[in-house]
Protein backbone atom coordinates (compact mmCIF):
# COMPACT_ATOMS: atom_id res chain seq x y z
CA MET A 1 0.00 0.00 0.00
CA THR A 2 1.22 3.50 -0.80
CA LEU A 3 1.02 6.52 1.51
CA GLN A 4 -1.70 7.96 -0.70
CA GLU A 5 -3.74 4.74 -0.46
CA LEU A 6 -3.16 4.62 3.30
CA LYS A 7 -4.49 8.17 3.63
CA LEU A 8 -7.58 7.41 1.53
CA ASN A 9 -8.31 4.31 3.61
CA PHE A 10 -7.81 6.27 6.84
CA PHE A 11 -10.31 8.94 5.74
CA THR A 12 -12.85 6.30 4.68
CA GLU A 13 -12.63 4.58 8.06
CA LEU A 14 -13.17 7.75 10.10
CA ASN A 15 -15.30 10.08 7.99
CA GLU A 16 -18.55 9.17 9.76
CA GLN A 17 -17.17 10.10 13.17
CA TYR A 18 -14.90 13.10 12.63
CA PRO A 19 -14.79 16.19 10.37
CA ALA A 20 -12.32 16.03 7.48
CA THR A 21 -10.00 18.68 8.94
CA GLU A 22 -9.65 16.67 12.15
CA ILE A 23 -9.03 13.41 10.26
CA GLU A 24 -6.29 15.11 8.26
CA SER A 25 -4.70 16.36 11.47
CA PHE A 26 -4.86 12.84 12.94
CA PHE A 27 -3.26 11.41 9.80
CA PHE A 28 -0.25 13.72 9.96
CA TRP A 29 0.18 13.09 13.72
CA LEU A 30 0.34 9.37 12.97
CA THR A 31 2.58 9.53 9.89
CA GLN A 32 5.04 11.53 11.98
CA SER A 33 4.89 9.35 15.10
CA GLU A 34 4.43 5.89 13.54
CA LEU A 35 6.22 6.25 10.19
CA ASN A 36 8.60 9.13 10.97
CA ILE A 37 7.39 10.83 7.79
CA SER A 38 6.77 14.58 7.81
CA ARG A 39 3.92 16.39 6.07
CA LEU A 40 6.41 17.71 3.50
CA GLU A 41 7.77 14.22 2.77
CA MET A 42 4.20 12.99 2.38
CA ALA A 43 3.49 15.73 -0.17
CA LEU A 44 6.72 15.06 -2.09
CA ASP A 45 6.37 11.27 -2.27
CA PRO A 46 2.73 10.12 -1.90
CA GLN A 47 3.55 6.88 -3.76
CA LYS A 48 6.05 5.78 -1.11
CA GLU A 49 5.37 2.19 -0.04
CA VAL A 50 4.11 1.49 3.48
CA HIS A 51 5.31 -1.76 5.01
CA THR A 52 2.94 -4.33 6.51
CA GLN A 53 4.13 -3.65 10.06
CA GLN A 54 3.52 0.09 9.62
CA MET A 55 0.05 -0.59 8.19
CA GLU A 56 -0.76 -2.69 11.25
CA ARG A 57 0.22 0.18 13.58
CA PHE A 58 -2.08 2.45 11.59
CA ARG A 59 -4.90 -0.10 11.81
CA ILE A 60 -4.56 -0.22 15.60
CA ALA A 61 -4.47 3.59 15.84
CA THR A 62 -7.55 3.85 13.60
CA SER A 63 -9.42 1.39 15.81
CA ARG A 64 -8.56 3.47 18.89
CA LEU A 65 -9.74 6.65 17.16
CA LYS A 66 -13.02 4.92 16.30
CA ASN A 67 -13.43 4.38 20.03
CA TYR A 68 -12.94 8.15 20.49
CA GLU A 69 -9.58 7.76 22.21
CA PRO A 70 -7.71 11.10 22.07
CA ILE A 71 -4.95 11.22 19.45
CA GLN A 72 -2.56 12.54 22.12
CA TYR A 73 -2.94 9.32 24.13
CA ILE A 74 -2.46 7.23 21.00
CA VAL A 75 0.83 8.90 20.07
CA GLY A 76 1.70 9.38 23.77
CA GLU A 77 2.66 13.04 23.67
CA THR A 78 1.63 16.58 22.89
CA GLU A 79 3.20 20.04 22.76
CA PHE A 80 2.55 22.63 25.44
CA TYR A 81 4.07 26.11 25.53
CA GLY A 82 7.09 24.92 23.55
CA CYS A 83 7.60 21.81 25.71
CA LEU A 84 7.12 18.20 24.65
CA ILE A 85 4.78 16.62 27.21
CA LYS A 86 4.19 12.88 27.52
CA VAL A 87 0.55 12.04 28.24
CA ASN A 88 -1.41 8.92 29.15
CA PRO A 89 -4.87 8.19 30.62
CA SER A 90 -3.64 9.01 34.16
CA VAL A 91 -3.30 12.72 33.25
CA LEU A 92 -5.40 15.31 31.48
CA ILE A 93 -4.32 16.36 28.02
CA PRO A 94 -3.03 19.96 28.33
CA ARG A 95 -5.41 22.56 26.86
CA PRO A 96 -4.71 25.80 24.96
CA GLU A 97 -6.40 27.85 27.69
CA THR A 98 -3.87 26.50 30.18
CA GLU A 99 -1.12 27.73 27.86
CA GLU A 100 -2.75 31.14 28.07
CA LEU A 101 -2.62 30.94 31.87
CA VAL A 102 1.11 30.13 31.71
CA ALA A 103 1.69 32.98 29.25
CA TRP A 104 -0.05 35.40 31.64
CA MET A 105 2.13 34.24 34.52
CA VAL A 106 5.35 34.47 32.50
CA GLU A 107 4.48 38.00 31.41
CA ASP A 108 3.83 39.02 35.04
CA LEU A 109 6.90 37.32 36.51
CA LYS A 110 9.63 37.48 33.85
CA ASP A 111 11.21 40.67 35.21
CA LYS A 112 11.67 39.39 38.75
CA LYS A 113 15.40 39.49 39.41
CA GLU A 114 15.60 37.67 42.73
CA ALA A 115 14.80 34.00 43.29
CA PHE A 116 11.20 33.19 44.19
CA ARG A 117 9.08 30.13 44.88
CA ILE A 118 6.13 28.80 42.83
CA LEU A 119 3.77 25.99 43.83
CA ASP A 120 1.48 24.23 41.33
CA ILE A 121 -1.46 22.39 42.91
CA GLY A 122 -2.99 19.49 40.95
CA THR A 123 -0.14 19.27 38.47
CA GLY A 124 -1.25 16.30 36.34
CA SER A 125 1.27 15.91 33.51
CA GLY A 126 3.41 18.67 35.02
CA CYS A 127 2.85 20.92 32.01
CA ILE A 128 2.39 24.11 34.08
CA PRO A 129 5.47 23.90 36.35
CA ILE A 130 7.68 22.50 33.57
CA SER A 131 6.84 25.30 31.14
CA LEU A 132 7.25 27.85 33.94
CA ALA A 133 10.65 26.37 34.84
CA LYS A 134 11.80 26.76 31.24
CA SER A 135 10.58 30.35 31.01
CA LEU A 136 11.48 31.51 34.54
CA PRO A 137 14.92 30.10 35.43
CA GLN A 138 15.07 32.28 38.57
CA ALA A 139 12.07 30.44 40.06
CA GLU A 140 12.22 27.49 42.44
CA ILE A 141 9.20 25.38 41.52
CA SER A 142 7.35 22.56 43.24
CA ALA A 143 4.13 20.77 42.41
CA ILE A 144 1.68 18.38 44.04
CA ASP A 145 -0.99 15.95 42.85
CA ILE A 146 -3.18 13.33 44.51
CA SER A 147 -2.34 10.71 41.85
CA ALA A 148 0.85 8.65 42.12
CA GLU A 149 0.63 7.85 38.39
CA ALA A 150 0.32 11.54 37.54
CA ILE A 151 3.39 12.34 39.66
CA LYS A 152 5.31 9.59 37.86
CA THR A 153 4.36 11.07 34.47
CA ALA A 154 5.19 14.61 35.61
CA LYS A 155 8.66 13.54 36.76
CA GLU A 156 9.30 11.88 33.39
CA ASN A 157 8.24 15.10 31.65
CA ALA A 158 10.55 17.21 33.81
CA ASN A 159 13.47 14.94 32.90
CA LEU A 160 12.47 15.01 29.23
CA ASN A 161 12.50 18.83 29.25
CA LYS A 162 15.64 19.06 31.39
CA VAL A 163 14.15 21.19 34.17
CA GLU A 164 14.14 20.87 37.95
CA VAL A 165 10.74 20.67 39.62
CA GLU A 166 10.03 19.05 42.98
CA PHE A 167 6.97 16.78 42.72
CA LEU A 168 5.06 15.46 45.73
CA GLN A 169 2.01 13.22 46.04
CA GLN A 170 -0.52 14.98 48.26
CA ASP A 171 -4.31 15.23 48.65
CA ILE A 172 -5.00 18.95 48.76
CA LEU A 173 -8.49 18.53 50.25
CA LYS A 174 -6.93 16.74 53.25
CA THR A 175 -4.09 19.24 53.62
CA GLU A 176 -4.34 21.47 56.70
CA LYS A 177 -1.33 23.66 55.95
CA LEU A 178 1.22 24.09 53.18
CA ASP A 179 4.75 23.34 54.39
CA ALA A 180 6.49 26.45 53.03
CA LYS A 181 6.02 30.06 51.99
CA PHE A 182 5.55 30.86 48.31
CA GLU A 183 5.53 34.03 46.24
CA VAL A 184 3.23 32.42 43.66
CA ILE A 185 0.67 29.61 43.80
CA VAL A 186 -1.10 28.34 40.69
CA SER A 187 -3.76 25.70 40.14
CA ASN A 188 -5.90 24.26 37.37
CA PRO A 189 -8.14 22.17 39.63
CA PRO A 190 -11.20 20.08 38.73
CA TYR A 191 -14.02 22.49 37.89
CA VAL A 192 -16.46 20.89 35.43
CA ARG A 193 -19.88 20.38 37.02
CA GLU A 194 -21.81 17.15 36.46
CA LEU A 195 -24.52 19.17 34.70
CA GLU A 196 -21.97 20.25 32.07
CA LYS A 197 -21.14 16.68 30.98
CA LYS A 198 -23.77 16.81 28.24
CA MET A 199 -21.77 19.60 26.55
CA MET A 200 -18.52 17.64 26.50
CA GLN A 201 -17.06 15.51 23.74
CA GLU A 202 -17.13 11.73 24.00
CA ASN A 203 -13.34 11.41 23.77
CA VAL A 204 -13.01 13.43 27.01
CA LEU A 205 -15.81 11.64 28.87
CA LYS A 206 -14.66 8.13 27.92
CA HIS A 207 -10.89 8.46 28.24
CA GLU A 208 -9.62 11.37 30.34
CA PRO A 209 -9.42 10.99 34.15
CA ASN A 210 -12.70 12.01 35.82
CA LEU A 211 -10.81 12.71 39.04
CA ALA A 212 -9.06 15.64 37.33
CA LEU A 213 -12.18 17.02 35.65
CA PHE A 214 -15.41 16.84 37.59
CA VAL A 215 -16.94 18.34 40.72
CA SER A 216 -20.43 18.05 42.15
CA ASP A 217 -23.16 20.48 41.12
CA GLU A 218 -23.78 21.20 44.81
CA ASN A 219 -20.20 22.27 45.64
CA PRO A 220 -18.44 23.18 42.37
CA LEU A 221 -15.87 25.51 43.99
CA ILE A 222 -14.69 22.98 46.58
CA PHE A 223 -11.09 23.00 45.28
CA TYR A 224 -10.98 26.78 44.82
CA ARG A 225 -12.11 27.39 48.38
CA LYS A 226 -9.62 24.94 49.87
CA ILE A 227 -6.66 26.10 47.74
CA ALA A 228 -7.45 29.80 48.32
CA GLN A 229 -7.66 29.24 52.09
CA LEU A 230 -4.30 27.45 52.10
CA ALA A 231 -2.77 30.08 49.80
CA TYR A 232 -3.98 32.93 52.00
CA LYS A 233 -1.78 31.57 54.81
CA ALA A 234 1.13 30.30 52.68
CA LEU A 235 1.70 33.21 50.32
CA SER A 236 4.29 35.81 51.19
CA GLU A 237 3.42 39.51 51.33
CA LYS A 238 2.11 40.62 47.91
CA GLY A 239 2.02 36.96 46.90
CA VAL A 240 -0.10 36.02 43.90
CA LEU A 241 -2.61 33.21 43.36
CA TYR A 242 -3.50 32.16 39.79
CA PHE A 243 -6.35 29.85 38.81
CA GLU A 244 -7.77 28.45 35.62
CA ILE A 245 -11.52 28.72 36.13
CA ASN A 246 -14.89 27.53 34.92
CA GLU A 247 -16.16 30.20 32.50
CA TYR A 248 -19.68 29.88 33.99
CA LEU A 249 -18.47 30.48 37.56
CA ALA A 250 -16.12 33.44 37.15
CA LYS A 251 -18.20 35.80 39.29
CA GLU A 252 -18.65 33.20 42.01
CA THR A 253 -14.91 32.50 42.05
CA GLU A 254 -14.16 36.22 42.35
CA GLU A 255 -16.61 36.55 45.26
CA LEU A 256 -15.02 33.54 46.97
CA LEU A 257 -11.54 35.08 46.75
CA ASN A 258 -12.88 38.37 48.10
CA GLU A 259 -14.54 36.55 50.97
CA ILE A 260 -11.30 34.78 51.92
CA GLY A 261 -9.43 38.09 52.01
CA PHE A 262 -7.57 38.63 48.74
CA SER A 263 -7.36 42.27 47.74
CA PHE A 264 -6.69 42.84 44.05
CA ILE A 265 -8.56 40.34 41.86
CA GLU A 266 -8.47 40.23 38.06
CA ILE A 267 -10.43 37.98 35.71
CA LYS A 268 -8.88 37.40 32.28
CA ASN A 269 -10.60 36.13 29.15
CA ASP A 270 -9.08 33.62 26.74
CA ILE A 271 -8.77 34.09 22.97
CA PHE A 272 -12.43 33.06 22.59
CA ASP A 273 -13.45 35.84 25.01
CA LYS A 274 -14.44 33.38 27.74
CA SER A 275 -13.58 34.08 31.39
CA ARG A 276 -11.02 31.32 31.97
CA MET A 277 -8.34 32.73 34.32
CA ILE A 278 -8.23 34.68 37.54
CA LYS A 279 -5.43 36.32 39.51
CA ALA A 280 -5.63 37.37 43.16
CA ILE A 281 -3.00 39.29 45.15
CA LEU A 282 -2.65 38.96 48.91
């Protein structure tokens, strides 16, 4: 089978489940990861022969896509803020809005001359602290997560990107006090309410870790309240707390931070003009 025939077959298999632009994106992810063939090479030599073993890897990947498994889990990695991040079903796939949160932090903190400490709560793949460590070499960064498998993945990603981040397994909801003082605390905690599940794609619902995504409809800000209370005591003077937030609960999150005692609070919209980030200064 040639590359051109492989592509045609791939589109035929998936065209009832995905739009053509997404199938094309999947195809180039897989030709790069499974065949080590770039988009340019594909365009220059569409008649290149594909070996039986390579065709079998494509067949398996196609089957997984039919089951709505995210392409990032299939190839085992994604890019985040210029970093290569390994992903698997124990961690959320990093989102573009989280990149925007990191970009906001880097812009705020890049001119700090002296060393300072950052804590990431609920780190998952480690994408936030790793990208911060690359962009802010003067920062001493640590991160915690409840999942041992997530911590294992995050450590692998730190090694892959050649940065130093201290990772600890810890249940934030059972934490009474943070063990150190920090100038900056950041978190992208679970914030999707059960009632919002009907708006989510099947690949997220079936394959990404529910523990990292969902909260009850009755207490959707449970993580924000706990983290903000801990941060209020653990942040140094003029310390800053950053959150990624639920776009439908921006006002409620702002009121919560006011109630706990933070002074200057700023909500920031993402590129789609949705309220997805908040910053609070002690």
